[in-house]
Amino acid sequence: MNMFLGNIINQTGVIPETPSQLGPSSTSNLTYEDSKRYSGIITYIWDAQCSYTDDIKYTKETTDLSWDFNIIFPNGDRYSKDAWLSALYLSRQPSDNTTYFTVIGTDEETVNLAAAVDASAISQANGSWISRVACTPTFSWQTSTCAWDERSVAMHDCTNEPGTNTTKLDTAGLDLVGDHMTLVPLGIYSMDEYIYGLEALQTALMFDPNATSNHQYRAPVLADYTNMYGQVARSLAAVSTSGYYGTAVVPTKGSARRPAYIVREYVLIIFLVILALPSLLCAWALFSALARRSPSGPQRF
């Protein structure tokens, strides 16, 4: 969870997309060479599987001073809140490992209201809105061969290679890592942590870098929920493949990139002639003088 919080704090804007397949990360103790392919390494494949839902029921009571939402989750959890204060609620459905998200806010404080409405991301009601999303994330592992890219500081071009890791893998532990895709957001939600004036998960979903106050935010669209889970997946991959839980020697192919220079042949020939001709003429003059036994010492005139 601390890794996830650190990633959120490190962001300077809206959370970016995360590749669907993640490999090991470079650390001070575990480094990789650029462009070299590594076989038998552990990679993870994740999917947030988020969608808008009507399974979350709500009623709304509006007065001159408040927009009160009464929210009922599929498992019976109930919450009531004034949308002016904005809020995020989570509820887990144990039967299918689905997490339900509800976010409420007001039109006045929402910086992307038109875009959210166009994307059908929110339901509006008399100056306020509600976002209802269900996510059933998956997170699985496999042994792969990948190439290390120094520019992006990540593994890429990965292909599945089962059986290439000959070490005794903790397969039971690797299988359990996926459970944290559901548990990490729930754990952070229960911590009551605040980042940039919003609850930690609200920051992951709603933070706007151009906001002029703590009370301005974005209405989350479906991609924001997916990108939030992407940060969870990135954190799990970084922690579990950093080498602190064991390392193994794996075969590699290729070598690091080297600088290369391209030049036209005739240009190279002209350059070499210009470079070599003065030296050749000097050597010819010296040998010619020695052959004629011409004086080569200091001369006075």
Protein backbone atom coordinates (compact mmCIF):
# COMPACT_ATOMS: atom_id res chain seq x y z
CA MET A 1 0.00 0.00 0.00
CA ASN A 2 2.89 2.36 0.74
CA MET A 3 4.24 1.75 -2.76
CA PHE A 4 0.84 2.71 -4.21
CA LEU A 5 0.65 5.87 -2.10
CA GLY A 6 4.19 6.80 -3.17
CA ASN A 7 3.25 6.37 -6.83
CA ILE A 8 0.22 8.63 -6.37
CA ILE A 9 2.27 11.33 -4.65
CA ASN A 10 4.88 11.09 -7.42
CA GLN A 11 2.29 11.91 -10.09
CA THR A 12 2.17 15.50 -11.32
CA GLY A 13 -1.15 15.09 -13.11
CA VAL A 14 -3.78 12.57 -14.08
CA ILE A 15 -2.57 8.97 -13.58
CA PRO A 16 -1.26 7.57 -16.89
CA GLU A 17 -2.07 4.21 -18.43
CA THR A 18 -0.16 1.12 -17.31
CA PRO A 19 0.82 -1.66 -19.75
CA SER A 20 -1.27 -4.81 -19.38
CA GLN A 21 1.90 -6.91 -18.89
CA LEU A 22 4.48 -5.94 -16.29
CA GLY A 23 7.93 -7.35 -15.65
CA PRO A 24 10.71 -6.82 -13.10
CA SER A 25 11.95 -3.34 -12.26
CA SER A 26 15.57 -2.29 -11.96
CA THR A 27 16.82 -1.60 -8.41
CA SER A 28 20.16 -0.64 -6.85
CA ASN A 29 20.86 -4.35 -6.29
CA LEU A 30 19.24 -5.80 -9.40
CA THR A 31 20.13 -4.19 -12.73
CA TYR A 32 19.55 -5.07 -16.38
CA GLU A 33 21.41 -4.31 -19.62
CA ASP A 34 19.76 -2.32 -22.36
CA SER A 35 18.35 -4.32 -25.31
CA LYS A 36 19.33 -7.68 -23.80
CA ARG A 37 16.63 -10.37 -23.66
CA TYR A 38 16.08 -12.22 -20.39
CA SER A 39 14.46 -15.68 -20.35
CA GLY A 40 12.56 -17.32 -17.50
CA ILE A 41 11.62 -14.11 -15.70
CA ILE A 42 8.31 -13.58 -13.89
CA THR A 43 5.85 -11.23 -15.55
CA TYR A 44 2.32 -10.28 -14.57
CA ILE A 45 -0.78 -9.76 -16.69
CA TRP A 46 -3.54 -7.65 -15.17
CA ASP A 47 -6.99 -6.37 -16.11
CA ALA A 48 -9.20 -4.02 -14.08
CA GLN A 49 -12.43 -5.23 -15.69
CA CYS A 50 -14.34 -2.09 -14.69
CA SER A 51 -17.76 -1.11 -16.00
CA TYR A 52 -20.52 1.33 -15.17
CA THR A 53 -23.27 -0.27 -13.12
CA ASP A 54 -26.84 0.31 -11.98
CA ASP A 55 -26.54 -2.32 -9.23
CA ILE A 56 -25.73 0.48 -6.77
CA LYS A 57 -29.03 2.11 -5.83
CA TYR A 58 -29.46 5.63 -4.49
CA THR A 59 -31.99 8.27 -3.58
CA LYS A 60 -31.37 12.00 -3.44
CA GLU A 61 -32.81 14.78 -1.31
CA THR A 62 -32.09 18.37 -2.36
CA THR A 63 -32.50 21.46 -0.19
CA ASP A 64 -31.32 25.04 -0.60
CA LEU A 65 -28.09 24.18 1.24
CA SER A 66 -27.38 20.51 0.48
CA TRP A 67 -27.45 17.63 -2.02
CA ASP A 68 -27.93 14.56 0.19
CA PHE A 69 -27.35 11.12 -1.36
CA ASN A 70 -28.51 7.90 0.27
CA ILE A 71 -26.51 5.05 -1.29
CA ILE A 72 -27.27 1.33 -1.09
CA PHE A 73 -24.67 -1.20 -2.30
CA PRO A 74 -25.60 -4.71 -3.56
CA ASN A 75 -24.35 -6.32 -0.32
CA GLY A 76 -26.58 -4.04 1.79
CA ASP A 77 -23.97 -1.44 2.83
CA ARG A 78 -25.57 1.98 3.20
CA TYR A 79 -24.06 5.48 3.22
CA SER A 80 -25.46 9.00 3.36
CA LYS A 81 -23.49 12.10 2.41
CA ASP A 82 -23.87 15.67 1.16
CA ALA A 83 -22.37 15.89 -2.35
CA TRP A 84 -20.99 19.35 -1.58
CA LEU A 85 -18.29 17.71 0.53
CA SER A 86 -17.64 15.13 -2.21
CA ALA A 87 -17.06 11.52 -1.18
CA LEU A 88 -15.89 8.13 -2.36
CA TYR A 89 -17.39 4.90 -1.03
CA LEU A 90 -16.25 1.33 -1.61
CA SER A 91 -17.99 -1.96 -0.97
CA ARG A 92 -16.76 -5.46 -1.75
CA GLN A 93 -18.99 -8.23 -3.01
CA PRO A 94 -17.44 -11.40 -1.50
CA SER A 95 -19.28 -13.82 -3.77
CA ASP A 96 -17.49 -12.76 -6.98
CA ASN A 97 -14.63 -10.58 -5.64
CA THR A 98 -16.17 -7.46 -7.19
CA THR A 99 -15.49 -4.03 -5.70
CA TYR A 100 -18.18 -1.37 -6.13
CA PHE A 101 -17.23 2.32 -6.24
CA THR A 102 -19.50 5.30 -5.72
CA VAL A 103 -18.30 8.89 -6.05
CA ILE A 104 -20.49 11.95 -5.51
CA GLY A 105 -19.79 15.61 -6.24
CA THR A 106 -21.34 18.88 -7.37
CA ASP A 107 -21.50 20.39 -10.83
CA GLU A 108 -20.05 23.67 -9.57
CA GLU A 109 -16.77 22.14 -8.35
CA THR A 110 -16.25 19.70 -11.25
CA VAL A 111 -13.72 20.86 -13.84
CA ASN A 112 -14.54 18.22 -16.50
CA LEU A 113 -18.31 18.14 -16.16
CA ALA A 114 -19.11 18.33 -19.88
CA ALA A 115 -16.63 15.58 -20.80
CA ALA A 116 -17.93 13.30 -18.03
CA VAL A 117 -21.52 13.81 -19.16
CA ASP A 118 -20.59 13.10 -22.80
CA ALA A 119 -18.87 9.86 -21.69
CA SER A 120 -21.96 8.82 -19.68
CA ALA A 121 -19.64 8.53 -16.69
CA ILE A 122 -22.00 10.23 -14.21
CA SER A 123 -25.69 10.58 -13.46
CA GLN A 124 -26.68 14.19 -12.81
CA ALA A 125 -29.35 15.35 -10.37
CA ASN A 126 -30.16 19.01 -9.64
CA GLY A 127 -26.63 20.43 -9.55
CA SER A 128 -24.89 17.29 -8.30
CA TRP A 129 -23.78 13.95 -9.76
CA ILE A 130 -22.97 10.36 -8.85
CA SER A 131 -20.53 7.90 -10.43
CA ARG A 132 -21.21 4.16 -10.02
CA VAL A 133 -18.65 1.59 -11.17
CA ALA A 134 -18.02 -2.11 -10.54
CA CYS A 135 -14.53 -3.64 -10.95
CA THR A 136 -13.48 -7.29 -10.79
CA PRO A 137 -9.69 -7.06 -11.25
CA THR A 138 -7.48 -9.97 -12.29
CA PHE A 139 -3.74 -10.39 -11.79
CA SER A 140 -1.92 -13.51 -13.00
CA TRP A 141 1.72 -14.50 -13.47
CA GLN A 142 3.74 -16.41 -16.02
CA THR A 143 7.36 -17.06 -16.98
CA SER A 144 8.38 -15.01 -19.99
CA THR A 145 11.25 -13.80 -22.10
CA CYS A 146 11.51 -10.01 -22.32
CA ALA A 147 13.90 -7.31 -23.51
CA TRP A 148 15.03 -4.56 -21.16
CA ASP A 149 14.52 -1.02 -22.46
CA GLU A 150 16.70 1.50 -20.66
CA ARG A 151 14.77 4.48 -22.00
CA SER A 152 11.44 3.43 -20.51
CA VAL A 153 13.16 1.65 -17.59
CA ALA A 154 10.95 -1.39 -18.12
CA MET A 155 10.74 -4.81 -19.73
CA HIS A 156 9.01 -4.90 -23.11
CA ASP A 157 8.34 -7.21 -26.04
CA CYS A 158 7.52 -10.07 -23.66
CA THR A 159 6.44 -13.52 -24.84
CA ASN A 160 5.17 -16.42 -22.75
CA GLU A 161 7.78 -19.15 -22.18
CA PRO A 162 6.43 -21.70 -19.68
CA GLY A 163 8.97 -23.91 -17.99
CA THR A 164 12.00 -21.72 -18.76
CA ASN A 165 12.61 -20.86 -15.10
CA THR A 166 14.39 -23.87 -13.55
CA THR A 167 14.42 -22.54 -9.98
CA LYS A 168 11.92 -23.69 -7.37
CA LEU A 169 9.29 -20.97 -7.63
CA ASP A 170 6.90 -20.18 -4.81
CA THR A 171 3.89 -20.76 -7.02
CA ALA A 172 1.48 -20.65 -4.09
CA GLY A 173 2.80 -17.21 -3.11
CA LEU A 174 2.69 -15.97 -6.70
CA ASP A 175 -0.92 -17.10 -7.01
CA LEU A 176 -1.84 -15.14 -3.87
CA VAL A 177 -0.31 -11.87 -5.15
CA GLY A 178 -3.37 -11.41 -7.34
CA ASP A 179 -5.65 -11.16 -4.29
CA HIS A 180 -4.01 -7.84 -3.44
CA MET A 181 -5.46 -6.23 -6.55
CA THR A 182 -8.72 -6.20 -4.60
CA LEU A 183 -7.27 -5.81 -1.10
CA VAL A 184 -4.96 -2.82 -1.71
CA PRO A 185 -7.71 -0.33 -2.70
CA LEU A 186 -9.86 -1.52 0.20
CA GLY A 187 -6.91 -1.20 2.59
CA ILE A 188 -6.08 2.33 1.44
CA TYR A 189 -9.76 3.27 1.66
CA SER A 190 -9.78 2.20 5.33
CA MET A 191 -6.59 4.16 6.16
CA ASP A 192 -8.25 7.57 5.79
CA GLU A 193 -5.12 9.02 4.15
CA TYR A 194 -5.27 12.38 2.35
CA ILE A 195 -3.16 13.51 -0.63
CA TYR A 196 -3.47 16.98 -2.19
CA GLY A 197 -6.59 17.70 -0.11
CA LEU A 198 -8.49 14.57 -1.20
CA GLU A 199 -8.70 11.06 0.18
CA ALA A 200 -5.92 8.92 -1.29
CA LEU A 201 -8.20 6.95 -3.63
CA GLN A 202 -10.07 10.10 -4.58
CA THR A 203 -6.73 11.63 -5.59
CA ALA A 204 -6.03 8.61 -7.78
CA LEU A 205 -9.41 9.00 -9.48
CA MET A 206 -10.24 12.71 -9.32
CA PHE A 207 -7.11 14.86 -8.93
CA ASP A 208 -6.86 17.68 -11.44
CA PRO A 209 -3.42 19.36 -11.81
CA ASN A 210 -5.04 22.61 -12.97
CA ALA A 211 -7.41 22.93 -10.00
CA THR A 212 -7.29 26.28 -8.25
CA SER A 213 -8.36 24.96 -4.84
CA ASN A 214 -8.76 21.79 -2.79
CA HIS A 215 -12.45 21.84 -3.60
CA GLN A 216 -12.06 21.46 -7.36
CA TYR A 217 -11.85 17.99 -8.82
CA ARG A 218 -12.53 15.82 -11.86
CA ALA A 219 -15.53 13.54 -12.20
CA PRO A 220 -13.94 10.11 -12.74
CA VAL A 221 -14.51 8.36 -16.06
CA LEU A 222 -14.04 4.63 -16.60
CA ALA A 223 -10.39 5.04 -17.66
CA ASP A 224 -9.59 6.64 -14.29
CA TYR A 225 -10.71 3.50 -12.42
CA THR A 226 -8.67 1.34 -14.80
CA ASN A 227 -5.59 3.55 -14.40
CA MET A 228 -5.95 3.45 -10.62
CA TYR A 229 -5.84 -0.35 -10.72
CA GLY A 230 -2.88 -0.02 -13.09
CA GLN A 231 -0.96 1.74 -10.32
CA VAL A 232 -1.89 -1.09 -7.94
CA ALA A 233 -0.62 -3.64 -10.47
CA ARG A 234 2.59 -1.65 -11.02
CA SER A 235 3.20 -1.51 -7.27
CA LEU A 236 2.62 -5.25 -6.82
CA ALA A 237 4.95 -6.08 -9.71
CA ALA A 238 7.68 -3.77 -8.42
CA VAL A 239 7.58 -5.13 -4.87
CA SER A 240 7.38 -8.83 -5.79
CA THR A 241 10.12 -8.76 -8.46
CA SER A 242 12.62 -6.42 -6.80
CA GLY A 243 14.82 -9.28 -5.63
CA TYR A 244 14.06 -9.11 -1.91
CA TYR A 245 12.04 -12.34 -2.10
CA GLY A 246 14.78 -14.23 -3.92
CA THR A 247 16.66 -14.10 -7.21
CA ALA A 248 17.72 -16.59 -9.86
CA VAL A 249 20.26 -16.77 -12.67
CA VAL A 250 18.51 -16.76 -16.05
CA PRO A 251 19.85 -17.08 -19.63
CA THR A 252 20.19 -13.93 -21.73
CA LYS A 253 20.54 -13.06 -25.40
CA GLY A 254 21.88 -10.01 -27.21
CA SER A 255 24.04 -7.17 -26.00
CA ALA A 256 23.73 -3.54 -25.05
CA ARG A 257 23.34 -0.93 -27.76
CA ARG A 258 26.49 0.71 -29.13
CA PRO A 259 26.80 3.95 -31.10
CA ALA A 260 27.21 3.52 -34.85
CA TYR A 261 28.16 6.07 -37.51
CA ILE A 262 26.92 5.96 -41.11
CA VAL A 263 28.85 7.67 -43.92
CA ARG A 264 28.87 7.48 -47.71
CA GLU A 265 31.88 5.57 -49.08
CA TYR A 266 33.12 8.23 -51.50
CA VAL A 267 32.99 10.86 -48.76
CA LEU A 268 34.99 8.55 -46.49
CA ILE A 269 37.59 7.95 -49.24
CA ILE A 270 38.03 11.69 -49.88
CA PHE A 271 38.38 12.33 -46.15
CA LEU A 272 41.00 9.60 -45.73
CA VAL A 273 42.99 10.86 -48.73
CA ILE A 274 43.01 14.40 -47.36
CA LEU A 275 44.03 13.07 -43.97
CA ALA A 276 46.78 10.75 -45.22
CA LEU A 277 48.24 12.76 -48.15
CA PRO A 278 50.25 15.33 -46.11
CA SER A 279 51.85 12.57 -44.04
CA LEU A 280 52.73 10.56 -47.15
CA LEU A 281 54.23 13.61 -48.89
CA CYS A 282 56.36 14.43 -45.83
CA ALA A 283 57.62 10.82 -45.63
CA TRP A 284 58.39 10.80 -49.37
CA ALA A 285 60.36 14.07 -49.05
CA LEU A 286 62.42 12.71 -46.16
CA PHE A 287 63.28 9.44 -47.89
CA SER A 288 64.07 11.31 -51.13
CA ALA A 289 66.47 13.61 -49.28
CA LEU A 290 68.21 10.68 -47.60
CA ALA A 291 68.55 8.89 -50.92
CA ARG A 292 70.28 11.95 -52.45
CA ARG A 293 72.32 12.40 -49.27
CA SER A 294 71.03 15.91 -49.08
CA PRO A 295 71.91 17.66 -45.77
CA SER A 296 69.17 17.44 -43.28
CA GLY A 297 70.80 19.28 -40.39
CA PRO A 298 70.49 22.97 -39.45
CA GLN A 299 71.46 25.32 -42.28
CA ARG A 300 72.75 28.88 -42.20
CA PHE A 301 72.21 31.39 -44.96
